[in-house]
Amino acid sequence: MSGATWQRPPCLAALDITAIVAVEPVRVVAMVDPVVDRLGHSPASLYAETYWLPILGPSALLALRRLDRGLDDAPDGFALHVAAFGAELGISPATTVRTIGRLIHFRLAAGHGRQLAVARKVPPLARRHIERLPAHLAALHGHPHPDQEVNP
């Protein structure tokens, strides 16, 4: 993959998301995780919609899809005006900050200085996340699943 990337440090310290978004614009770059990049699923995949949506929530999954699409258009990274981004998603500024915070909490994004590194793939769910799924989705999770793209 070409362009600006950010390598995940072995341990992420607790972050104050408001510090990341306080400086407008935030620079969005791709997060590189060789394992997830190989085994993961596109944020626009049916897997992400079926299994990650109940974990992340609709705003966070939509935000991840939009950030991923932005990196498709600008692989070297791009400037993100957080307030405008939230308005485009139809959410308030406070909800936008919480949404980005959820992505960070689930390690699908990470703050690094004035940058927001965003995962290009979602990993297969961990056992603790599978246990939080509705029973019918948890039962389906281990079975073969078509991973087709969907249009949000």
Protein backbone atom coordinates (compact mmCIF):
# COMPACT_ATOMS: atom_id res chain seq x y z
CA MET A 1 0.00 0.00 0.00
CA SER A 2 1.39 3.37 -0.93
CA GLY A 3 0.89 6.62 0.85
CA ALA A 4 1.10 7.87 4.39
CA THR A 5 0.60 5.16 6.96
CA TRP A 6 0.82 4.85 10.67
CA GLN A 7 2.03 1.74 12.48
CA ARG A 8 0.09 0.78 15.61
CA PRO A 9 2.37 0.93 18.67
CA PRO A 10 2.42 -2.22 20.83
CA CYS A 11 0.30 -0.49 23.50
CA LEU A 12 -1.98 2.47 22.98
CA ALA A 13 -2.16 4.88 25.86
CA ALA A 14 -5.52 6.28 26.88
CA LEU A 15 -6.41 9.15 24.60
CA ASP A 16 -8.47 12.23 25.01
CA ILE A 17 -10.46 12.28 21.78
CA THR A 18 -11.34 15.93 22.25
CA ALA A 19 -7.62 16.76 21.98
CA ILE A 20 -7.45 14.98 18.62
CA VAL A 21 -10.42 16.79 17.12
CA ALA A 22 -9.72 20.17 18.75
CA VAL A 23 -7.30 21.08 15.97
CA GLU A 24 -9.12 21.47 12.68
CA PRO A 25 -8.55 19.92 10.29
CA VAL A 26 -7.42 16.50 11.50
CA ARG A 27 -5.19 14.59 9.07
CA VAL A 28 -6.60 11.12 8.36
CA VAL A 29 -4.11 8.43 7.35
CA ALA A 30 -4.31 4.67 6.94
CA MET A 31 -3.54 2.48 9.94
CA VAL A 32 -1.38 -0.50 9.06
CA ASP A 33 -1.94 -3.78 10.88
CA PRO A 34 -0.49 -6.62 8.78
CA VAL A 35 -2.65 -9.29 10.42
CA VAL A 36 -5.96 -7.41 10.13
CA ASP A 37 -5.02 -6.17 6.66
CA ARG A 38 -4.67 -9.85 5.62
CA LEU A 39 -7.55 -11.45 7.55
CA GLY A 40 -9.97 -8.56 7.97
CA HIS A 41 -13.03 -7.39 6.09
CA SER A 42 -13.82 -4.15 4.34
CA PRO A 43 -15.90 -1.74 6.43
CA ALA A 44 -18.40 -1.86 3.53
CA SER A 45 -18.63 -5.67 3.64
CA LEU A 46 -21.63 -7.73 4.60
CA TYR A 47 -19.50 -9.13 7.45
CA ALA A 48 -19.00 -5.63 8.90
CA GLU A 49 -22.67 -4.79 8.50
CA THR A 50 -23.88 -8.07 10.01
CA TYR A 51 -21.44 -8.52 12.88
CA TRP A 52 -19.71 -5.21 13.60
CA LEU A 53 -22.82 -3.02 13.32
CA PRO A 54 -24.37 -4.34 16.58
CA ILE A 55 -21.02 -3.81 18.34
CA LEU A 56 -20.02 -0.39 16.96
CA GLY A 57 -23.41 1.14 16.33
CA PRO A 58 -24.64 2.76 13.12
CA SER A 59 -22.86 6.12 13.43
CA ALA A 60 -19.44 4.57 14.06
CA LEU A 61 -19.76 2.03 11.24
CA LEU A 62 -20.93 4.69 8.80
CA ALA A 63 -18.11 7.00 9.89
CA LEU A 64 -15.57 4.19 9.38
CA ARG A 65 -16.97 3.49 5.91
CA ARG A 66 -16.77 7.17 4.96
CA LEU A 67 -13.21 7.52 6.30
CA ASP A 68 -12.19 4.37 4.42
CA ARG A 69 -13.74 5.72 1.22
CA GLY A 70 -11.81 8.97 1.77
CA LEU A 71 -8.59 6.96 1.93
CA ASP A 72 -9.58 5.21 -1.31
CA ASP A 73 -9.74 8.63 -2.93
CA ALA A 74 -6.61 9.97 -1.18
CA PRO A 75 -4.27 7.09 -0.21
CA ASP A 76 -1.68 9.51 1.17
CA GLY A 77 -4.22 10.85 3.63
CA PHE A 78 -6.61 13.77 3.71
CA ALA A 79 -7.73 16.66 5.87
CA LEU A 80 -10.91 16.04 7.83
CA HIS A 81 -12.98 18.91 9.19
CA VAL A 82 -14.63 17.10 12.09
CA ALA A 83 -17.67 19.36 12.46
CA ALA A 84 -18.43 19.20 8.73
CA PHE A 85 -17.89 15.43 8.75
CA GLY A 86 -20.42 15.06 11.55
CA ALA A 87 -22.92 17.22 9.71
CA GLU A 88 -22.46 15.03 6.62
CA LEU A 89 -23.26 12.00 8.79
CA GLY A 90 -26.28 13.77 10.24
CA ILE A 91 -24.95 13.85 13.80
CA SER A 92 -24.13 16.64 16.24
CA PRO A 93 -20.57 17.78 16.99
CA ALA A 94 -20.67 16.04 20.40
CA THR A 95 -21.92 12.82 18.81
CA THR A 96 -19.18 13.07 16.18
CA VAL A 97 -16.55 13.20 18.93
CA ARG A 98 -18.16 10.19 20.67
CA THR A 99 -18.33 8.34 17.34
CA ILE A 100 -14.62 8.83 16.67
CA GLY A 101 -14.02 7.84 20.29
CA ARG A 102 -15.86 4.55 19.66
CA LEU A 103 -13.63 3.83 16.69
CA ILE A 104 -10.61 4.45 18.91
CA HIS A 105 -12.08 2.35 21.74
CA PHE A 106 -12.49 -0.61 19.38
CA ARG A 107 -9.02 -0.03 17.89
CA LEU A 108 -10.37 0.82 14.47
CA ALA A 109 -8.73 4.24 14.72
CA ALA A 110 -5.98 5.78 16.77
CA GLY A 111 -4.82 9.29 17.48
CA HIS A 112 -1.20 10.12 16.85
CA GLY A 113 -0.33 13.77 17.30
CA ARG A 114 -2.48 15.75 14.87
CA GLN A 115 -3.35 12.63 12.88
CA LEU A 116 -6.18 10.13 13.06
CA ALA A 117 -5.06 6.76 11.77
CA VAL A 118 -8.00 4.71 10.51
CA ALA A 119 -8.18 0.96 9.93
CA ARG A 120 -8.88 -0.03 6.34
CA LYS A 121 -10.28 -3.41 7.46
CA VAL A 122 -12.29 -4.60 10.42
CA PRO A 123 -10.91 -7.71 12.11
CA PRO A 124 -12.85 -10.89 12.68
CA LEU A 125 -14.78 -10.45 15.92
CA ALA A 126 -13.10 -11.46 19.17
CA ARG A 127 -14.93 -13.93 21.40
CA ARG A 128 -15.93 -11.16 23.82
CA HIS A 129 -17.68 -9.33 20.96
CA ILE A 130 -19.38 -12.46 19.66
CA GLU A 131 -20.82 -12.98 23.14
CA ARG A 132 -22.44 -9.50 22.93
CA LEU A 133 -24.18 -10.22 19.61
CA PRO A 134 -27.86 -11.11 19.45
CA ALA A 135 -28.15 -14.89 19.86
CA HIS A 136 -29.09 -15.56 16.23
CA LEU A 137 -26.05 -13.64 14.94
CA ALA A 138 -23.71 -15.28 17.45
CA ALA A 139 -24.94 -18.68 16.22
CA LEU A 140 -24.27 -17.70 12.59
CA HIS A 141 -20.87 -16.16 13.19
CA GLY A 142 -18.70 -19.26 12.85
CA HIS A 143 -20.32 -20.43 9.62
CA PRO A 144 -19.12 -19.54 6.14
CA HIS A 145 -20.36 -16.08 5.29
CA PRO A 146 -20.37 -14.36 1.93
CA ASP A 147 -18.32 -11.19 2.23
CA GLN A 148 -19.84 -9.12 -0.51
CA GLU A 149 -19.74 -5.35 -0.55
CA VAL A 150 -22.87 -3.41 0.26
CA ASN A 151 -23.67 0.19 -0.58
CA PRO A 152 -24.51 2.15 2.60
